[in-house]
N, C-alpha and C. Protein backbone atom coordinates (compact mmCIF):
# COMPACT_ATOMS: atom_id res chain seq x y z
N UNK A 1 0.17 -1.92 21.27
CA UNK A 1 -0.46 -1.17 20.22
C UNK A 1 -0.04 0.29 20.35
N UNK A 2 0.28 0.88 19.23
CA UNK A 2 0.65 2.29 19.19
C UNK A 2 -0.60 3.14 19.09
N UNK A 3 -0.70 4.17 19.91
CA UNK A 3 -1.86 5.06 19.88
C UNK A 3 -1.60 6.20 18.91
N UNK A 4 -2.65 6.65 18.26
CA UNK A 4 -2.55 7.76 17.33
C UNK A 4 -3.57 8.81 17.72
N UNK A 5 -3.15 10.05 17.71
CA UNK A 5 -4.06 11.16 17.96
C UNK A 5 -4.63 11.62 16.62
N UNK A 6 -5.93 11.88 16.60
CA UNK A 6 -6.54 12.36 15.38
C UNK A 6 -7.11 13.76 15.62
N UNK A 7 -7.32 14.47 14.55
CA UNK A 7 -7.87 15.82 14.65
C UNK A 7 -9.28 15.79 15.20
N UNK A 8 -9.68 16.87 15.83
CA UNK A 8 -11.01 16.98 16.41
C UNK A 8 -12.09 16.74 15.37
N UNK A 9 -11.93 17.31 14.18
CA UNK A 9 -12.94 17.12 13.13
C UNK A 9 -13.00 15.67 12.66
N UNK A 10 -11.86 15.00 12.58
CA UNK A 10 -11.87 13.57 12.22
C UNK A 10 -12.63 12.80 13.28
N UNK A 11 -12.39 13.14 14.54
CA UNK A 11 -13.11 12.48 15.64
C UNK A 11 -14.61 12.73 15.53
N UNK A 12 -15.00 13.95 15.19
CA UNK A 12 -16.42 14.27 15.04
C UNK A 12 -17.06 13.43 13.94
N UNK A 13 -16.37 13.28 12.82
CA UNK A 13 -16.89 12.47 11.72
C UNK A 13 -17.03 11.01 12.17
N UNK A 14 -15.97 10.49 12.78
CA UNK A 14 -16.01 9.10 13.25
C UNK A 14 -17.12 8.89 14.27
N UNK A 15 -17.23 9.79 15.22
CA UNK A 15 -18.25 9.66 16.26
C UNK A 15 -19.66 9.75 15.67
N UNK A 16 -19.86 10.66 14.75
CA UNK A 16 -21.17 10.85 14.12
C UNK A 16 -21.64 9.55 13.45
N UNK A 17 -20.79 8.97 12.61
CA UNK A 17 -21.21 7.77 11.89
C UNK A 17 -21.22 6.53 12.78
N UNK A 18 -20.32 6.48 13.76
CA UNK A 18 -20.32 5.37 14.71
C UNK A 18 -21.61 5.37 15.53
N UNK A 19 -22.08 6.55 15.93
CA UNK A 19 -23.31 6.64 16.73
C UNK A 19 -24.54 6.19 15.92
N UNK A 20 -24.44 6.26 14.61
CA UNK A 20 -25.52 5.81 13.74
C UNK A 20 -25.34 4.34 13.32
N UNK A 21 -24.26 3.71 13.81
CA UNK A 21 -24.01 2.32 13.48
C UNK A 21 -23.48 2.12 12.07
N UNK A 22 -22.96 3.17 11.47
CA UNK A 22 -22.46 3.09 10.10
C UNK A 22 -20.94 3.00 10.10
N UNK A 23 -20.41 2.09 9.31
CA UNK A 23 -18.97 1.96 9.19
C UNK A 23 -18.48 2.39 7.81
N UNK A 24 -19.42 2.77 6.95
CA UNK A 24 -19.08 3.17 5.60
C UNK A 24 -19.99 4.34 5.22
N UNK A 25 -19.42 5.32 4.56
CA UNK A 25 -20.18 6.50 4.16
C UNK A 25 -19.48 7.14 2.98
N UNK A 26 -20.17 8.01 2.28
CA UNK A 26 -19.51 8.72 1.19
C UNK A 26 -19.16 10.14 1.63
N UNK A 27 -18.39 10.82 0.81
CA UNK A 27 -17.92 12.14 1.20
C UNK A 27 -19.07 13.14 1.34
N UNK A 28 -20.11 12.99 0.56
CA UNK A 28 -21.26 13.90 0.67
C UNK A 28 -21.92 13.76 2.04
N UNK A 29 -22.02 12.55 2.55
CA UNK A 29 -22.60 12.33 3.88
C UNK A 29 -21.70 12.95 4.95
N UNK A 30 -20.39 12.86 4.78
CA UNK A 30 -19.46 13.45 5.74
C UNK A 30 -19.60 14.97 5.76
N UNK A 31 -19.81 15.56 4.61
CA UNK A 31 -19.99 17.00 4.52
C UNK A 31 -21.27 17.41 5.24
N UNK A 32 -22.32 16.62 5.09
CA UNK A 32 -23.58 16.90 5.79
C UNK A 32 -23.43 16.70 7.30
N UNK A 33 -22.56 15.78 7.70
CA UNK A 33 -22.36 15.50 9.13
C UNK A 33 -21.68 16.67 9.85
N UNK A 34 -20.90 17.45 9.13
CA UNK A 34 -20.20 18.60 9.71
C UNK A 34 -20.52 19.85 8.90
N UNK A 35 -21.76 20.32 8.96
CA UNK A 35 -22.15 21.45 8.12
C UNK A 35 -21.41 22.76 8.42
N UNK A 36 -20.85 22.88 9.61
CA UNK A 36 -20.14 24.11 9.95
C UNK A 36 -18.71 24.13 9.40
N UNK A 37 -18.24 23.00 8.88
CA UNK A 37 -16.88 22.92 8.35
C UNK A 37 -16.87 23.14 6.84
N UNK A 38 -15.76 23.65 6.36
CA UNK A 38 -15.62 23.86 4.92
C UNK A 38 -15.48 22.52 4.20
N UNK A 39 -16.07 22.44 3.02
CA UNK A 39 -16.05 21.20 2.24
C UNK A 39 -14.63 20.73 1.95
N UNK A 40 -13.74 21.64 1.59
CA UNK A 40 -12.35 21.26 1.30
C UNK A 40 -11.65 20.71 2.52
N UNK A 41 -11.96 21.25 3.70
CA UNK A 41 -11.36 20.76 4.93
C UNK A 41 -11.78 19.32 5.20
N UNK A 42 -13.05 19.04 4.99
CA UNK A 42 -13.55 17.68 5.22
C UNK A 42 -12.92 16.71 4.22
N UNK A 43 -12.83 17.10 2.98
CA UNK A 43 -12.19 16.23 1.98
C UNK A 43 -10.73 15.95 2.35
N UNK A 44 -10.06 16.95 2.87
CA UNK A 44 -8.68 16.77 3.31
C UNK A 44 -8.61 15.79 4.49
N UNK A 45 -9.52 15.93 5.44
CA UNK A 45 -9.56 15.01 6.58
C UNK A 45 -9.77 13.57 6.12
N UNK A 46 -10.67 13.40 5.15
CA UNK A 46 -11.00 12.06 4.68
C UNK A 46 -9.85 11.41 3.90
N UNK A 47 -8.89 12.21 3.49
CA UNK A 47 -7.74 11.65 2.78
C UNK A 47 -6.67 11.12 3.72
N UNK A 48 -6.91 11.22 5.04
CA UNK A 48 -5.97 10.72 6.04
C UNK A 48 -5.96 9.19 6.00
N UNK A 49 -4.94 8.63 5.41
CA UNK A 49 -4.86 7.17 5.20
C UNK A 49 -4.66 6.38 6.50
N UNK A 50 -4.25 7.06 7.58
CA UNK A 50 -4.09 6.37 8.85
C UNK A 50 -5.41 6.21 9.59
N UNK A 51 -6.42 7.00 9.22
CA UNK A 51 -7.70 6.97 9.92
C UNK A 51 -8.80 6.32 9.09
N UNK A 52 -8.77 6.53 7.77
CA UNK A 52 -9.84 6.07 6.90
C UNK A 52 -9.31 5.22 5.75
N UNK A 53 -10.14 4.25 5.30
CA UNK A 53 -9.92 3.56 4.03
C UNK A 53 -10.81 4.25 3.02
N UNK A 54 -10.32 4.43 1.83
CA UNK A 54 -11.13 5.01 0.77
C UNK A 54 -11.19 4.00 -0.36
N UNK A 55 -12.41 3.72 -0.85
CA UNK A 55 -12.56 2.77 -1.94
C UNK A 55 -13.64 3.25 -2.90
N UNK A 56 -13.57 2.77 -4.12
CA UNK A 56 -14.56 3.10 -5.13
C UNK A 56 -15.45 1.90 -5.36
N UNK A 57 -16.75 2.14 -5.45
CA UNK A 57 -17.70 1.08 -5.72
C UNK A 57 -18.88 1.69 -6.45
N UNK A 58 -19.20 1.16 -7.61
CA UNK A 58 -20.33 1.64 -8.41
C UNK A 58 -20.31 3.17 -8.56
N UNK A 59 -19.16 3.68 -8.99
CA UNK A 59 -18.98 5.10 -9.27
C UNK A 59 -19.16 6.00 -8.06
N UNK A 60 -19.07 5.47 -6.86
CA UNK A 60 -19.12 6.28 -5.64
C UNK A 60 -17.87 6.02 -4.82
N UNK A 61 -17.45 7.04 -4.14
CA UNK A 61 -16.33 6.90 -3.22
C UNK A 61 -16.89 6.59 -1.85
N UNK A 62 -16.41 5.51 -1.24
CA UNK A 62 -16.85 5.13 0.09
C UNK A 62 -15.69 5.25 1.05
N UNK A 63 -15.96 5.78 2.20
CA UNK A 63 -14.95 5.93 3.24
C UNK A 63 -15.37 5.05 4.41
N UNK A 64 -14.43 4.30 4.93
CA UNK A 64 -14.74 3.47 6.09
C UNK A 64 -13.63 3.65 7.11
N UNK A 65 -13.92 3.26 8.32
CA UNK A 65 -12.97 3.41 9.42
C UNK A 65 -11.85 2.41 9.24
N UNK A 66 -10.64 2.84 9.51
CA UNK A 66 -9.49 1.96 9.39
C UNK A 66 -9.47 0.91 10.49
N UNK A 67 -9.83 1.31 11.70
CA UNK A 67 -9.86 0.38 12.84
C UNK A 67 -11.19 0.49 13.52
N UNK A 68 -11.69 -0.59 14.09
CA UNK A 68 -12.97 -0.52 14.81
C UNK A 68 -12.90 0.48 15.96
N UNK A 69 -13.98 1.16 16.18
CA UNK A 69 -14.06 2.11 17.29
C UNK A 69 -14.67 1.42 18.49
N UNK A 70 -13.97 1.45 19.59
CA UNK A 70 -14.47 0.84 20.83
C UNK A 70 -14.33 1.82 21.96
């Protein structure tokens, strides 16, 4: 398996939702999870296709982890 390094803020988002047992969240929740970060920065992080899946469901954007965190 090839290892990938992710940005510290991406790790913080992943760790935050993983600690809550959540594998899916919307961008507004991610912004609340990192209140010290700029909203545009978080949206840019969430567009990382190697780390997150992005899908639309019932007019909401949902972000989920690309690979299980262990």
